[in-house]
Amino acid sequence: MRTIAIVNQKGGCGKTMTAINVSAFLARASRRVLLIDMDPQGHATLGVLKDPFPLEKTVYEVLAREDGLTALGEVIVKVRDNFDIAPSDVLLSALPEKLREIPEKEGRLSLALEGVRQNYDYVIVDCPPHVGLLTFNALMACSEAIIPVEPSFFSLHGIARQVETLDLLARKSGHDIQARALITSYSTRSDFAKTMAEEVRQHLGDACFNTVIRFSVKLPE
């Protein structure tokens, strides 16, 4: 089972859209996919489920119990063939405070995934746009990461911080993640976008996909 975090500390870079579309593409290719929504905004949940709220159980119930974990399988919802989601909502934002005194809280998602490992070929985790307990849980549970990045000055700064976060995780926990950047919202008509994309590639080298996701007015729709 491959585990891939879609992560960037900067919002508005196409992170959730990437998570949804990677999941949908893999499912269409007959891979069994679980999308885990680790963002309290619940945008991945909203993007794949029709009228999802209110939810009976979410990822919060899986991670928050102090007397043992609710099985991840209890909260999973089928989207369509080969495509499931573990949904979230705003309650997930309370998890860091809930687990404040709990030891080894960064490994809870990893533990929860053990119960579904045989059911999926891919687990895709949509991370929140900030560093904290939720993001560290996602990164500890994954062996790979995709960092969506817009071709802009602020995104260059954001990706540098994200790489620093992954390096910190590797140093502190010994958990090394293979990360690659994915350039999104790319406009072939913009010389600035071309320049910024080239800077990203020069900075990251092979750690950047050759593929770019072109800007389209259809994406926000």
N, C-alpha and C. Protein backbone atom coordinates (compact mmCIF):
# COMPACT_ATOMS: atom_id res chain seq x y z
N MET A 1 0.85 -1.20 0.00
CA MET A 1 0.00 0.00 0.00
C MET A 1 0.88 1.24 0.00
N ARG A 2 0.67 2.11 -0.98
CA ARG A 2 1.43 3.36 -1.04
C ARG A 2 0.65 4.45 -0.31
N THR A 3 1.36 5.22 0.48
CA THR A 3 0.74 6.28 1.27
C THR A 3 1.35 7.62 0.86
N ILE A 4 0.50 8.55 0.41
CA ILE A 4 0.97 9.81 -0.17
C ILE A 4 0.26 10.98 0.48
N ALA A 5 1.02 11.88 1.08
CA ALA A 5 0.46 13.11 1.65
C ALA A 5 0.48 14.20 0.58
N ILE A 6 -0.62 14.93 0.47
CA ILE A 6 -0.68 16.12 -0.37
C ILE A 6 -0.57 17.30 0.57
N VAL A 7 0.56 17.99 0.54
CA VAL A 7 0.87 18.92 1.62
C VAL A 7 1.52 20.19 1.11
N ASN A 8 1.12 21.31 1.68
CA ASN A 8 1.79 22.59 1.50
C ASN A 8 1.30 23.52 2.59
N GLN A 9 2.23 24.19 3.24
CA GLN A 9 1.86 25.11 4.31
C GLN A 9 1.18 26.37 3.79
N LYS A 10 1.27 26.60 2.49
CA LYS A 10 0.61 27.75 1.88
C LYS A 10 -0.74 27.33 1.33
N GLY A 11 -1.79 28.05 1.66
CA GLY A 11 -3.11 27.77 1.12
C GLY A 11 -3.26 28.27 -0.30
N GLY A 12 -4.31 27.82 -0.97
CA GLY A 12 -4.61 28.32 -2.30
C GLY A 12 -3.71 27.83 -3.40
N CYS A 13 -3.03 26.70 -3.18
CA CYS A 13 -2.08 26.19 -4.17
C CYS A 13 -2.63 25.01 -4.95
N GLY A 14 -3.89 24.67 -4.71
CA GLY A 14 -4.48 23.53 -5.41
C GLY A 14 -4.27 22.22 -4.69
N LYS A 15 -4.01 22.27 -3.39
CA LYS A 15 -3.72 21.07 -2.61
C LYS A 15 -4.89 20.09 -2.60
N THR A 16 -6.06 20.58 -2.20
CA THR A 16 -7.22 19.69 -2.11
C THR A 16 -7.66 19.21 -3.49
N MET A 17 -7.62 20.08 -4.47
CA MET A 17 -7.96 19.68 -5.83
C MET A 17 -7.02 18.59 -6.33
N THR A 18 -5.75 18.70 -5.97
CA THR A 18 -4.78 17.67 -6.34
C THR A 18 -5.11 16.35 -5.66
N ALA A 19 -5.43 16.40 -4.37
CA ALA A 19 -5.76 15.19 -3.63
C ALA A 19 -6.97 14.48 -4.23
N ILE A 20 -8.00 15.25 -4.55
CA ILE A 20 -9.22 14.67 -5.11
C ILE A 20 -8.94 14.05 -6.48
N ASN A 21 -8.25 14.78 -7.33
CA ASN A 21 -8.06 14.31 -8.70
C ASN A 21 -7.07 13.16 -8.80
N VAL A 22 -6.03 13.17 -7.98
CA VAL A 22 -5.13 12.01 -7.95
C VAL A 22 -5.90 10.77 -7.50
N SER A 23 -6.72 10.93 -6.46
CA SER A 23 -7.52 9.81 -5.97
C SER A 23 -8.47 9.29 -7.04
N ALA A 24 -9.17 10.20 -7.71
CA ALA A 24 -10.14 9.82 -8.73
C ALA A 24 -9.46 9.14 -9.92
N PHE A 25 -8.30 9.65 -10.32
CA PHE A 25 -7.57 9.06 -11.44
C PHE A 25 -7.14 7.64 -11.11
N LEU A 26 -6.59 7.44 -9.92
CA LEU A 26 -6.14 6.11 -9.53
C LEU A 26 -7.30 5.14 -9.44
N ALA A 27 -8.44 5.60 -8.91
CA ALA A 27 -9.62 4.75 -8.82
C ALA A 27 -10.11 4.35 -10.21
N ARG A 28 -10.08 5.28 -11.14
CA ARG A 28 -10.49 5.00 -12.51
C ARG A 28 -9.54 4.00 -13.17
N ALA A 29 -8.30 3.97 -12.70
CA ALA A 29 -7.31 3.02 -13.21
C ALA A 29 -7.37 1.69 -12.46
N SER A 30 -8.48 1.46 -11.75
CA SER A 30 -8.75 0.21 -11.04
C SER A 30 -7.85 -0.02 -9.84
N ARG A 31 -7.34 1.06 -9.26
CA ARG A 31 -6.61 0.96 -8.00
C ARG A 31 -7.59 1.25 -6.86
N ARG A 32 -7.44 0.53 -5.77
CA ARG A 32 -8.31 0.76 -4.60
C ARG A 32 -7.73 1.93 -3.80
N VAL A 33 -8.52 2.98 -3.66
CA VAL A 33 -8.01 4.24 -3.12
C VAL A 33 -8.82 4.69 -1.91
N LEU A 34 -8.10 5.10 -0.87
CA LEU A 34 -8.72 5.76 0.28
C LEU A 34 -8.18 7.18 0.37
N LEU A 35 -9.07 8.16 0.30
CA LEU A 35 -8.71 9.56 0.50
C LEU A 35 -9.03 9.93 1.94
N ILE A 36 -8.04 10.40 2.68
CA ILE A 36 -8.25 10.80 4.07
C ILE A 36 -8.20 12.31 4.15
N ASP A 37 -9.28 12.90 4.64
CA ASP A 37 -9.37 14.36 4.76
C ASP A 37 -8.88 14.76 6.15
N MET A 38 -7.67 15.30 6.22
CA MET A 38 -7.10 15.74 7.49
C MET A 38 -7.18 17.25 7.67
N ASP A 39 -7.98 17.91 6.86
CA ASP A 39 -8.16 19.36 6.95
C ASP A 39 -9.51 19.66 7.59
N PRO A 40 -9.53 20.36 8.73
CA PRO A 40 -10.81 20.67 9.39
C PRO A 40 -11.78 21.46 8.52
N GLN A 41 -11.30 22.10 7.47
CA GLN A 41 -12.21 22.78 6.56
C GLN A 41 -13.11 21.80 5.81
N GLY A 42 -12.65 20.56 5.69
CA GLY A 42 -13.46 19.52 5.07
C GLY A 42 -13.71 19.71 3.59
N HIS A 43 -12.82 20.39 2.90
CA HIS A 43 -13.06 20.66 1.48
C HIS A 43 -12.97 19.41 0.62
N ALA A 44 -12.09 18.48 0.95
CA ALA A 44 -12.04 17.22 0.20
C ALA A 44 -13.33 16.44 0.39
N THR A 45 -13.82 16.43 1.62
CA THR A 45 -15.10 15.78 1.91
C THR A 45 -16.22 16.41 1.10
N LEU A 46 -16.28 17.72 1.13
CA LEU A 46 -17.30 18.45 0.39
C LEU A 46 -17.17 18.24 -1.11
N GLY A 47 -15.94 18.05 -1.57
CA GLY A 47 -15.70 17.91 -3.00
C GLY A 47 -16.10 16.57 -3.59
N VAL A 48 -16.18 15.53 -2.75
CA VAL A 48 -16.47 14.20 -3.31
C VAL A 48 -17.78 13.59 -2.82
N LEU A 49 -18.36 14.14 -1.75
CA LEU A 49 -19.62 13.62 -1.24
C LEU A 49 -20.74 14.62 -1.47
N LYS A 50 -21.89 14.13 -1.86
CA LYS A 50 -23.04 14.99 -2.07
C LYS A 50 -23.72 15.25 -0.74
N ASP A 51 -23.85 16.52 -0.38
CA ASP A 51 -24.49 16.93 0.89
C ASP A 51 -23.96 16.13 2.07
N PRO A 52 -22.64 16.21 2.35
CA PRO A 52 -22.04 15.34 3.37
C PRO A 52 -22.35 15.72 4.81
N PHE A 53 -22.67 16.99 5.07
CA PHE A 53 -22.81 17.44 6.45
C PHE A 53 -24.27 17.45 6.87
N PRO A 54 -24.60 17.11 8.15
CA PRO A 54 -23.65 16.68 9.18
C PRO A 54 -23.23 15.22 9.00
N LEU A 55 -22.04 14.91 9.50
CA LEU A 55 -21.49 13.57 9.40
C LEU A 55 -21.65 12.85 10.74
N GLU A 56 -21.96 11.57 10.70
CA GLU A 56 -22.10 10.81 11.94
C GLU A 56 -20.75 10.59 12.61
N LYS A 57 -19.76 10.20 11.82
CA LYS A 57 -18.41 9.96 12.34
C LYS A 57 -17.40 10.49 11.33
N THR A 58 -16.30 10.99 11.85
CA THR A 58 -15.25 11.53 10.99
C THR A 58 -13.88 11.04 11.47
N VAL A 59 -12.85 11.52 10.82
CA VAL A 59 -11.49 11.20 11.23
C VAL A 59 -11.25 11.62 12.68
N TYR A 60 -11.96 12.62 13.15
CA TYR A 60 -11.80 13.05 14.54
C TYR A 60 -12.05 11.89 15.50
N GLU A 61 -13.13 11.15 15.29
CA GLU A 61 -13.44 10.02 16.17
C GLU A 61 -12.34 8.97 16.12
N VAL A 62 -11.70 8.82 14.99
CA VAL A 62 -10.63 7.84 14.85
C VAL A 62 -9.41 8.23 15.70
N LEU A 63 -9.10 9.51 15.72
CA LEU A 63 -7.86 9.97 16.34
C LEU A 63 -8.00 10.48 17.76
N ALA A 64 -9.22 10.81 18.20
CA ALA A 64 -9.39 11.55 19.45
C ALA A 64 -9.56 10.70 20.69
N ARG A 65 -10.00 9.48 20.57
CA ARG A 65 -10.30 8.69 21.76
C ARG A 65 -9.06 8.41 22.58
N GLU A 66 -9.18 8.63 23.87
CA GLU A 66 -8.04 8.41 24.77
C GLU A 66 -7.94 6.96 25.21
N ASP A 67 -9.04 6.21 25.10
CA ASP A 67 -9.05 4.83 25.59
C ASP A 67 -8.91 3.82 24.45
N GLY A 68 -8.38 4.27 23.34
CA GLY A 68 -8.20 3.39 22.19
C GLY A 68 -8.83 4.01 20.95
N LEU A 69 -8.36 3.60 19.80
CA LEU A 69 -8.79 4.22 18.56
C LEU A 69 -10.08 3.60 18.04
N THR A 70 -10.99 4.45 17.60
CA THR A 70 -12.11 3.98 16.79
C THR A 70 -11.54 3.45 15.48
N ALA A 71 -12.02 2.31 15.04
CA ALA A 71 -11.49 1.73 13.81
C ALA A 71 -11.73 2.67 12.64
N LEU A 72 -10.70 2.86 11.83
CA LEU A 72 -10.83 3.74 10.67
C LEU A 72 -11.95 3.27 9.75
N GLY A 73 -12.12 1.96 9.66
CA GLY A 73 -13.16 1.42 8.80
C GLY A 73 -14.56 1.86 9.18
N GLU A 74 -14.76 2.28 10.43
CA GLU A 74 -16.08 2.70 10.90
C GLU A 74 -16.49 4.06 10.34
N VAL A 75 -15.54 4.86 9.89
CA VAL A 75 -15.87 6.21 9.41
C VAL A 75 -15.77 6.33 7.89
N ILE A 76 -15.26 5.31 7.24
CA ILE A 76 -15.04 5.38 5.79
C ILE A 76 -16.37 5.37 5.04
N VAL A 77 -16.46 6.23 4.03
CA VAL A 77 -17.66 6.36 3.20
C VAL A 77 -17.27 6.05 1.75
N LYS A 78 -18.08 5.26 1.07
CA LYS A 78 -17.81 4.95 -0.33
C LYS A 78 -18.20 6.13 -1.21
N VAL A 79 -17.28 6.55 -2.07
CA VAL A 79 -17.56 7.61 -3.05
C VAL A 79 -18.09 6.98 -4.34
N ARG A 80 -17.35 6.02 -4.85
CA ARG A 80 -17.76 5.21 -6.00
C ARG A 80 -16.83 4.01 -6.06
N ASP A 81 -16.92 3.21 -7.10
CA ASP A 81 -16.10 2.01 -7.19
C ASP A 81 -14.62 2.36 -7.04
N ASN A 82 -13.96 1.64 -6.15
CA ASN A 82 -12.52 1.77 -5.89
C ASN A 82 -12.13 3.08 -5.20
N PHE A 83 -13.08 3.86 -4.77
CA PHE A 83 -12.78 5.19 -4.22
C PHE A 83 -13.59 5.41 -2.94
N ASP A 84 -12.89 5.43 -1.80
CA ASP A 84 -13.50 5.71 -0.50
C ASP A 84 -12.89 6.96 0.10
N ILE A 85 -13.60 7.54 1.07
CA ILE A 85 -13.07 8.69 1.80
C ILE A 85 -13.29 8.52 3.29
N ALA A 86 -12.30 8.93 4.07
CA ALA A 86 -12.46 9.10 5.51
C ALA A 86 -12.67 10.59 5.72
N PRO A 87 -13.91 11.03 5.99
CA PRO A 87 -14.25 12.45 5.95
C PRO A 87 -13.84 13.21 7.21
N SER A 88 -13.90 14.52 7.11
CA SER A 88 -13.63 15.38 8.27
C SER A 88 -14.57 16.56 8.26
N ASP A 89 -14.61 17.24 9.40
CA ASP A 89 -15.34 18.50 9.50
C ASP A 89 -14.60 19.38 10.51
N VAL A 90 -15.22 20.48 10.88
CA VAL A 90 -14.53 21.48 11.70
C VAL A 90 -14.13 20.94 13.07
N LEU A 91 -14.79 19.89 13.56
CA LEU A 91 -14.45 19.33 14.87
C LEU A 91 -13.00 18.87 14.91
N LEU A 92 -12.45 18.51 13.77
CA LEU A 92 -11.06 18.04 13.73
C LEU A 92 -10.08 19.10 14.23
N SER A 93 -10.47 20.37 14.15
CA SER A 93 -9.59 21.45 14.62
C SER A 93 -9.38 21.39 16.13
N ALA A 94 -10.25 20.66 16.85
CA ALA A 94 -10.12 20.54 18.30
C ALA A 94 -9.16 19.42 18.71
N LEU A 95 -8.68 18.64 17.75
CA LEU A 95 -7.86 17.48 18.09
C LEU A 95 -6.56 17.84 18.81
N PRO A 96 -5.80 18.86 18.39
CA PRO A 96 -4.55 19.16 19.10
C PRO A 96 -4.76 19.42 20.59
N GLU A 97 -5.80 20.14 20.94
CA GLU A 97 -6.07 20.40 22.36
C GLU A 97 -6.53 19.13 23.06
N LYS A 98 -7.34 18.34 22.38
CA LYS A 98 -7.85 17.10 22.95
C LYS A 98 -6.72 16.15 23.31
N LEU A 99 -5.69 16.10 22.49
CA LEU A 99 -4.59 15.16 22.69
C LEU A 99 -3.35 15.80 23.31
N ARG A 100 -3.51 16.98 23.85
CA ARG A 100 -2.35 17.76 24.31
C ARG A 100 -1.47 16.98 25.28
N GLU A 101 -2.04 16.19 26.17
CA GLU A 101 -1.27 15.47 27.17
C GLU A 101 -1.03 14.00 26.80
N ILE A 102 -1.43 13.62 25.61
CA ILE A 102 -1.33 12.22 25.20
C ILE A 102 0.03 11.95 24.56
N PRO A 103 0.77 10.93 25.03
CA PRO A 103 2.07 10.62 24.42
C PRO A 103 1.92 10.00 23.04
N GLU A 104 2.93 10.19 22.20
CA GLU A 104 2.99 9.60 20.87
C GLU A 104 1.77 9.93 20.02
N LYS A 105 1.25 11.12 20.21
CA LYS A 105 0.03 11.51 19.49
C LYS A 105 0.27 11.72 18.00
N GLU A 106 1.52 11.94 17.60
CA GLU A 106 1.81 12.15 16.18
C GLU A 106 1.70 10.87 15.35
N GLY A 107 1.61 9.72 16.02
CA GLY A 107 1.55 8.46 15.30
C GLY A 107 0.18 7.82 15.25
N ARG A 108 -0.84 8.57 15.60
CA ARG A 108 -2.18 7.97 15.68
C ARG A 108 -2.74 7.58 14.32
N LEU A 109 -2.52 8.38 13.31
CA LEU A 109 -3.03 8.01 11.99
C LEU A 109 -2.30 6.79 11.45
N SER A 110 -1.01 6.71 11.69
CA SER A 110 -0.24 5.53 11.27
C SER A 110 -0.83 4.27 11.88
N LEU A 111 -1.14 4.34 13.16
CA LEU A 111 -1.72 3.19 13.85
C LEU A 111 -3.09 2.83 13.27
N ALA A 112 -3.89 3.85 13.00
CA ALA A 112 -5.23 3.60 12.46
C ALA A 112 -5.18 2.95 11.08
N LEU A 113 -4.18 3.30 10.29
CA LEU A 113 -4.07 2.75 8.94
C LEU A 113 -3.76 1.25 8.92
N GLU A 114 -3.19 0.75 10.01
CA GLU A 114 -2.86 -0.67 10.05
C GLU A 114 -4.10 -1.54 9.86
N GLY A 115 -5.25 -1.03 10.31
CA GLY A 115 -6.48 -1.81 10.22
C GLY A 115 -7.09 -1.90 8.83
N VAL A 116 -6.62 -1.06 7.90
CA VAL A 116 -7.19 -1.07 6.55
C VAL A 116 -6.13 -1.34 5.48
N ARG A 117 -4.94 -1.67 5.91
CA ARG A 117 -3.81 -1.79 4.98
C ARG A 117 -4.09 -2.78 3.86
N GLN A 118 -4.80 -3.86 4.14
CA GLN A 118 -5.06 -4.87 3.12
C GLN A 118 -6.18 -4.49 2.16
N ASN A 119 -6.88 -3.39 2.46
CA ASN A 119 -8.06 -3.03 1.67
C ASN A 119 -7.77 -2.06 0.53
N TYR A 120 -6.58 -1.46 0.53
CA TYR A 120 -6.31 -0.39 -0.43
C TYR A 120 -4.93 -0.53 -1.07
N ASP A 121 -4.85 -0.04 -2.30
CA ASP A 121 -3.56 0.06 -2.98
C ASP A 121 -2.89 1.40 -2.71
N TYR A 122 -3.72 2.44 -2.54
CA TYR A 122 -3.22 3.79 -2.29
C TYR A 122 -4.03 4.45 -1.18
N VAL A 123 -3.32 5.16 -0.32
CA VAL A 123 -3.95 6.08 0.63
C VAL A 123 -3.42 7.48 0.31
N ILE A 124 -4.34 8.40 0.04
CA ILE A 124 -4.00 9.79 -0.26
C ILE A 124 -4.50 10.64 0.90
N VAL A 125 -3.63 11.44 1.48
CA VAL A 125 -4.00 12.25 2.65
C VAL A 125 -3.95 13.73 2.29
N ASP A 126 -5.10 14.39 2.40
CA ASP A 126 -5.17 15.84 2.17
C ASP A 126 -4.87 16.54 3.49
N CYS A 127 -3.76 17.25 3.54
CA CYS A 127 -3.30 17.90 4.78
C CYS A 127 -3.85 19.31 4.92
N PRO A 128 -3.94 19.82 6.14
CA PRO A 128 -4.31 21.23 6.33
C PRO A 128 -3.18 22.15 5.90
N PRO A 129 -3.48 23.42 5.60
CA PRO A 129 -2.45 24.34 5.10
C PRO A 129 -1.64 25.00 6.21
N HIS A 130 -1.20 24.23 7.17
CA HIS A 130 -0.37 24.77 8.25
C HIS A 130 0.35 23.61 8.93
N VAL A 131 1.38 23.94 9.68
CA VAL A 131 2.14 22.93 10.41
C VAL A 131 1.52 22.75 11.79
N GLY A 132 1.35 21.51 12.20
CA GLY A 132 0.78 21.23 13.51
C GLY A 132 0.55 19.74 13.65
N LEU A 133 -0.20 19.36 14.67
CA LEU A 133 -0.41 17.95 14.97
C LEU A 133 -1.06 17.20 13.81
N LEU A 134 -2.04 17.82 13.15
CA LEU A 134 -2.73 17.14 12.06
C LEU A 134 -1.77 16.84 10.90
N THR A 135 -0.97 17.83 10.54
CA THR A 135 -0.01 17.64 9.45
C THR A 135 1.05 16.62 9.83
N PHE A 136 1.54 16.67 11.06
CA PHE A 136 2.56 15.70 11.47
C PHE A 136 1.99 14.29 11.50
N ASN A 137 0.72 14.12 11.90
CA ASN A 137 0.10 12.80 11.83
C ASN A 137 0.08 12.29 10.40
N ALA A 138 -0.29 13.17 9.48
CA ALA A 138 -0.35 12.78 8.07
C ALA A 138 1.03 12.39 7.55
N LEU A 139 2.03 13.20 7.85
CA LEU A 139 3.38 12.93 7.35
C LEU A 139 3.97 11.67 7.96
N MET A 140 3.71 11.43 9.23
CA MET A 140 4.21 10.22 9.87
C MET A 140 3.57 8.97 9.29
N ALA A 141 2.36 9.12 8.75
CA ALA A 141 1.64 7.97 8.19
C ALA A 141 2.00 7.70 6.74
N CYS A 142 2.74 8.61 6.11
CA CYS A 142 3.00 8.51 4.67
C CYS A 142 4.48 8.31 4.37
N SER A 143 4.74 7.62 3.28
CA SER A 143 6.12 7.43 2.83
C SER A 143 6.47 8.36 1.67
N GLU A 144 5.44 9.00 1.09
CA GLU A 144 5.66 9.92 -0.03
C GLU A 144 4.83 11.18 0.19
N ALA A 145 5.25 12.25 -0.46
CA ALA A 145 4.51 13.51 -0.39
C ALA A 145 4.54 14.21 -1.74
N ILE A 146 3.41 14.79 -2.10
CA ILE A 146 3.33 15.67 -3.26
C ILE A 146 3.08 17.08 -2.73
N ILE A 147 3.90 18.02 -3.16
CA ILE A 147 3.77 19.41 -2.72
C ILE A 147 3.28 20.25 -3.89
N PRO A 148 1.98 20.55 -3.95
CA PRO A 148 1.49 21.42 -5.02
C PRO A 148 2.02 22.84 -4.82
N VAL A 149 2.46 23.45 -5.91
CA VAL A 149 3.04 24.79 -5.78
C VAL A 149 2.66 25.62 -6.99
N GLU A 150 2.12 26.80 -6.73
CA GLU A 150 1.83 27.74 -7.81
C GLU A 150 3.12 28.42 -8.25
N PRO A 151 3.22 28.80 -9.51
CA PRO A 151 4.41 29.53 -9.97
C PRO A 151 4.34 31.00 -9.57
N SER A 152 4.63 31.26 -8.28
CA SER A 152 4.59 32.63 -7.76
C SER A 152 5.70 32.81 -6.74
N PHE A 153 6.01 34.06 -6.43
CA PHE A 153 7.07 34.37 -5.47
C PHE A 153 6.75 33.78 -4.10
N PHE A 154 5.51 33.95 -3.64
CA PHE A 154 5.15 33.48 -2.31
C PHE A 154 5.18 31.96 -2.23
N SER A 155 4.85 31.30 -3.33
CA SER A 155 4.91 29.85 -3.35
C SER A 155 6.34 29.34 -3.24
N LEU A 156 7.28 30.06 -3.83
CA LEU A 156 8.69 29.69 -3.69
C LEU A 156 9.11 29.70 -2.23
N HIS A 157 8.67 30.73 -1.52
CA HIS A 157 8.96 30.80 -0.08
C HIS A 157 8.27 29.67 0.66
N GLY A 158 7.02 29.39 0.28
CA GLY A 158 6.26 28.35 0.96
C GLY A 158 6.85 26.98 0.78
N ILE A 159 7.34 26.68 -0.42
CA ILE A 159 7.89 25.35 -0.65
C ILE A 159 9.21 25.18 0.09
N ALA A 160 9.97 26.25 0.25
CA ALA A 160 11.20 26.18 1.03
C ALA A 160 10.88 25.83 2.48
N ARG A 161 9.84 26.44 3.03
CA ARG A 161 9.43 26.12 4.40
C ARG A 161 8.93 24.69 4.50
N GLN A 162 8.22 24.22 3.47
CA GLN A 162 7.71 22.86 3.51
C GLN A 162 8.85 21.84 3.50
N VAL A 163 9.86 22.09 2.70
CA VAL A 163 11.02 21.20 2.67
C VAL A 163 11.72 21.21 4.02
N GLU A 164 11.80 22.37 4.67
CA GLU A 164 12.38 22.46 6.01
C GLU A 164 11.59 21.61 7.00
N THR A 165 10.26 21.63 6.88
CA THR A 165 9.42 20.84 7.77
C THR A 165 9.68 19.35 7.59
N LEU A 166 9.79 18.90 6.35
CA LEU A 166 10.08 17.49 6.09
C LEU A 166 11.45 17.10 6.61
N ASP A 167 12.43 17.99 6.47
CA ASP A 167 13.76 17.72 6.99
C ASP A 167 13.74 17.62 8.52
N LEU A 168 12.97 18.52 9.15
CA LEU A 168 12.85 18.49 10.61
C LEU A 168 12.23 17.18 11.07
N LEU A 169 11.19 16.74 10.38
CA LEU A 169 10.54 15.48 10.72
C LEU A 169 11.52 14.32 10.61
N ALA A 170 12.32 14.32 9.57
CA ALA A 170 13.29 13.24 9.38
C ALA A 170 14.33 13.23 10.50
N ARG A 171 14.78 14.42 10.90
CA ARG A 171 15.80 14.51 11.96
C ARG A 171 15.24 14.10 13.31
N LYS A 172 14.03 14.53 13.62
CA LYS A 172 13.46 14.29 14.94
C LYS A 172 12.92 12.88 15.12
N SER A 173 12.39 12.30 14.05
CA SER A 173 11.71 11.01 14.18
C SER A 173 12.37 9.88 13.40
N GLY A 174 13.30 10.23 12.51
CA GLY A 174 13.90 9.21 11.67
C GLY A 174 12.99 8.76 10.54
N HIS A 175 11.88 9.46 10.36
CA HIS A 175 10.91 9.11 9.31
C HIS A 175 11.18 9.97 8.08
N ASP A 176 11.72 9.34 7.06
CA ASP A 176 12.11 10.07 5.85
C ASP A 176 11.02 9.91 4.79
N ILE A 177 10.64 11.01 4.16
CA ILE A 177 9.58 11.01 3.15
C ILE A 177 10.16 11.41 1.80
N GLN A 178 9.80 10.67 0.78
CA GLN A 178 10.18 11.02 -0.58
C GLN A 178 9.19 12.06 -1.10
N ALA A 179 9.64 13.30 -1.26
CA ALA A 179 8.74 14.40 -1.62
C ALA A 179 9.09 14.96 -2.99
N ARG A 180 8.05 15.31 -3.75
CA ARG A 180 8.24 15.96 -5.05
C ARG A 180 7.21 17.07 -5.19
N ALA A 181 7.63 18.13 -5.84
CA ALA A 181 6.73 19.27 -6.07
C ALA A 181 5.97 19.08 -7.37
N LEU A 182 4.74 19.59 -7.38
CA LEU A 182 3.89 19.57 -8.57
C LEU A 182 3.45 21.00 -8.86
N ILE A 183 3.86 21.53 -9.98
CA ILE A 183 3.50 22.91 -10.34
C ILE A 183 2.05 22.95 -10.81
N THR A 184 1.24 23.79 -10.16
CA THR A 184 -0.18 23.90 -10.47
C THR A 184 -0.50 25.30 -10.98
N SER A 185 -1.72 25.47 -11.47
CA SER A 185 -2.20 26.79 -11.94
C SER A 185 -1.22 27.43 -12.92
N TYR A 186 -0.68 26.61 -13.79
CA TYR A 186 0.35 27.07 -14.73
C TYR A 186 -0.30 27.63 -15.99
N SER A 187 0.07 28.84 -16.34
CA SER A 187 -0.45 29.48 -17.54
C SER A 187 0.65 29.59 -18.59
N THR A 188 0.43 28.98 -19.74
CA THR A 188 1.42 29.04 -20.81
C THR A 188 1.52 30.44 -21.41
N ARG A 189 0.55 31.29 -21.11
CA ARG A 189 0.55 32.65 -21.65
C ARG A 189 1.34 33.64 -20.78
N SER A 190 1.72 33.19 -19.60
CA SER A 190 2.37 34.08 -18.64
C SER A 190 3.88 33.85 -18.62
N ASP A 191 4.64 34.86 -19.00
CA ASP A 191 6.10 34.76 -18.91
C ASP A 191 6.54 34.66 -17.46
N PHE A 192 5.82 35.34 -16.57
CA PHE A 192 6.16 35.28 -15.15
C PHE A 192 6.00 33.85 -14.62
N ALA A 193 4.89 33.20 -15.01
CA ALA A 193 4.67 31.82 -14.57
C ALA A 193 5.78 30.91 -15.07
N LYS A 194 6.21 31.11 -16.31
CA LYS A 194 7.29 30.30 -16.87
C LYS A 194 8.59 30.52 -16.09
N THR A 195 8.86 31.77 -15.73
CA THR A 195 10.08 32.09 -14.99
C THR A 195 10.05 31.45 -13.60
N MET A 196 8.90 31.58 -12.91
CA MET A 196 8.78 31.02 -11.57
C MET A 196 8.86 29.49 -11.60
N ALA A 197 8.24 28.88 -12.61
CA ALA A 197 8.30 27.42 -12.73
C ALA A 197 9.73 26.96 -12.93
N GLU A 198 10.48 27.70 -13.72
CA GLU A 198 11.88 27.35 -13.95
C GLU A 198 12.70 27.49 -12.67
N GLU A 199 12.39 28.50 -11.86
CA GLU A 199 13.09 28.68 -10.59
C GLU A 199 12.80 27.52 -9.64
N VAL A 200 11.54 27.07 -9.62
CA VAL A 200 11.18 25.92 -8.79
C VAL A 200 11.99 24.70 -9.21
N ARG A 201 12.07 24.47 -10.51
CA ARG A 201 12.80 23.31 -11.01
C ARG A 201 14.30 23.42 -10.72
N GLN A 202 14.85 24.63 -10.84
CA GLN A 202 16.26 24.81 -10.54
C GLN A 202 16.54 24.57 -9.07
N HIS A 203 15.61 24.99 -8.23
CA HIS A 203 15.78 24.84 -6.78
C HIS A 203 15.65 23.38 -6.34
N LEU A 204 14.71 22.65 -6.97
CA LEU A 204 14.40 21.30 -6.50
C LEU A 204 14.99 20.19 -7.35
N GLY A 205 15.37 20.51 -8.58
CA GLY A 205 15.95 19.49 -9.44
C GLY A 205 14.98 18.35 -9.72
N ASP A 206 15.43 17.12 -9.49
CA ASP A 206 14.61 15.94 -9.76
C ASP A 206 13.42 15.82 -8.82
N ALA A 207 13.40 16.62 -7.75
CA ALA A 207 12.30 16.56 -6.80
C ALA A 207 11.12 17.41 -7.25
N CYS A 208 10.99 17.60 -8.56
CA CYS A 208 9.86 18.33 -9.14
C CYS A 208 9.36 17.55 -10.34
N PHE A 209 8.06 17.31 -10.39
CA PHE A 209 7.49 16.60 -11.54
C PHE A 209 7.69 17.41 -12.82
N ASN A 210 7.93 16.72 -13.91
CA ASN A 210 7.96 17.39 -15.21
C ASN A 210 6.56 17.85 -15.62
N THR A 211 5.57 17.08 -15.22
CA THR A 211 4.18 17.43 -15.51
C THR A 211 3.78 18.69 -14.77
N VAL A 212 3.02 19.56 -15.43
CA VAL A 212 2.43 20.72 -14.77
C VAL A 212 0.92 20.65 -14.91
N ILE A 213 0.21 21.23 -13.95
CA ILE A 213 -1.25 21.32 -14.02
C ILE A 213 -1.60 22.72 -14.51
N ARG A 214 -2.12 22.79 -15.70
CA ARG A 214 -2.40 24.09 -16.29
C ARG A 214 -3.62 24.75 -15.66
N PHE A 215 -3.58 26.07 -15.62
CA PHE A 215 -4.71 26.83 -15.10
C PHE A 215 -5.91 26.65 -16.03
N SER A 216 -7.07 26.46 -15.41
CA SER A 216 -8.31 26.37 -16.18
C SER A 216 -9.44 26.99 -15.36
N VAL A 217 -10.29 27.75 -16.02
CA VAL A 217 -11.43 28.34 -15.31
C VAL A 217 -12.39 27.26 -14.85
N LYS A 218 -12.28 26.05 -15.39
CA LYS A 218 -13.16 24.96 -15.01
C LYS A 218 -12.83 24.39 -13.63
N LEU A 219 -11.56 24.55 -13.21
CA LEU A 219 -11.16 23.96 -11.93
C LEU A 219 -11.95 24.50 -10.75
N PRO A 220 -12.11 25.82 -10.59
CA PRO A 220 -12.90 26.31 -9.46
C PRO A 220 -14.37 25.91 -9.53
N GLU A 221 -14.84 25.62 -10.75
CA GLU A 221 -16.23 25.22 -10.92
C GLU A 221 -16.47 23.79 -10.48
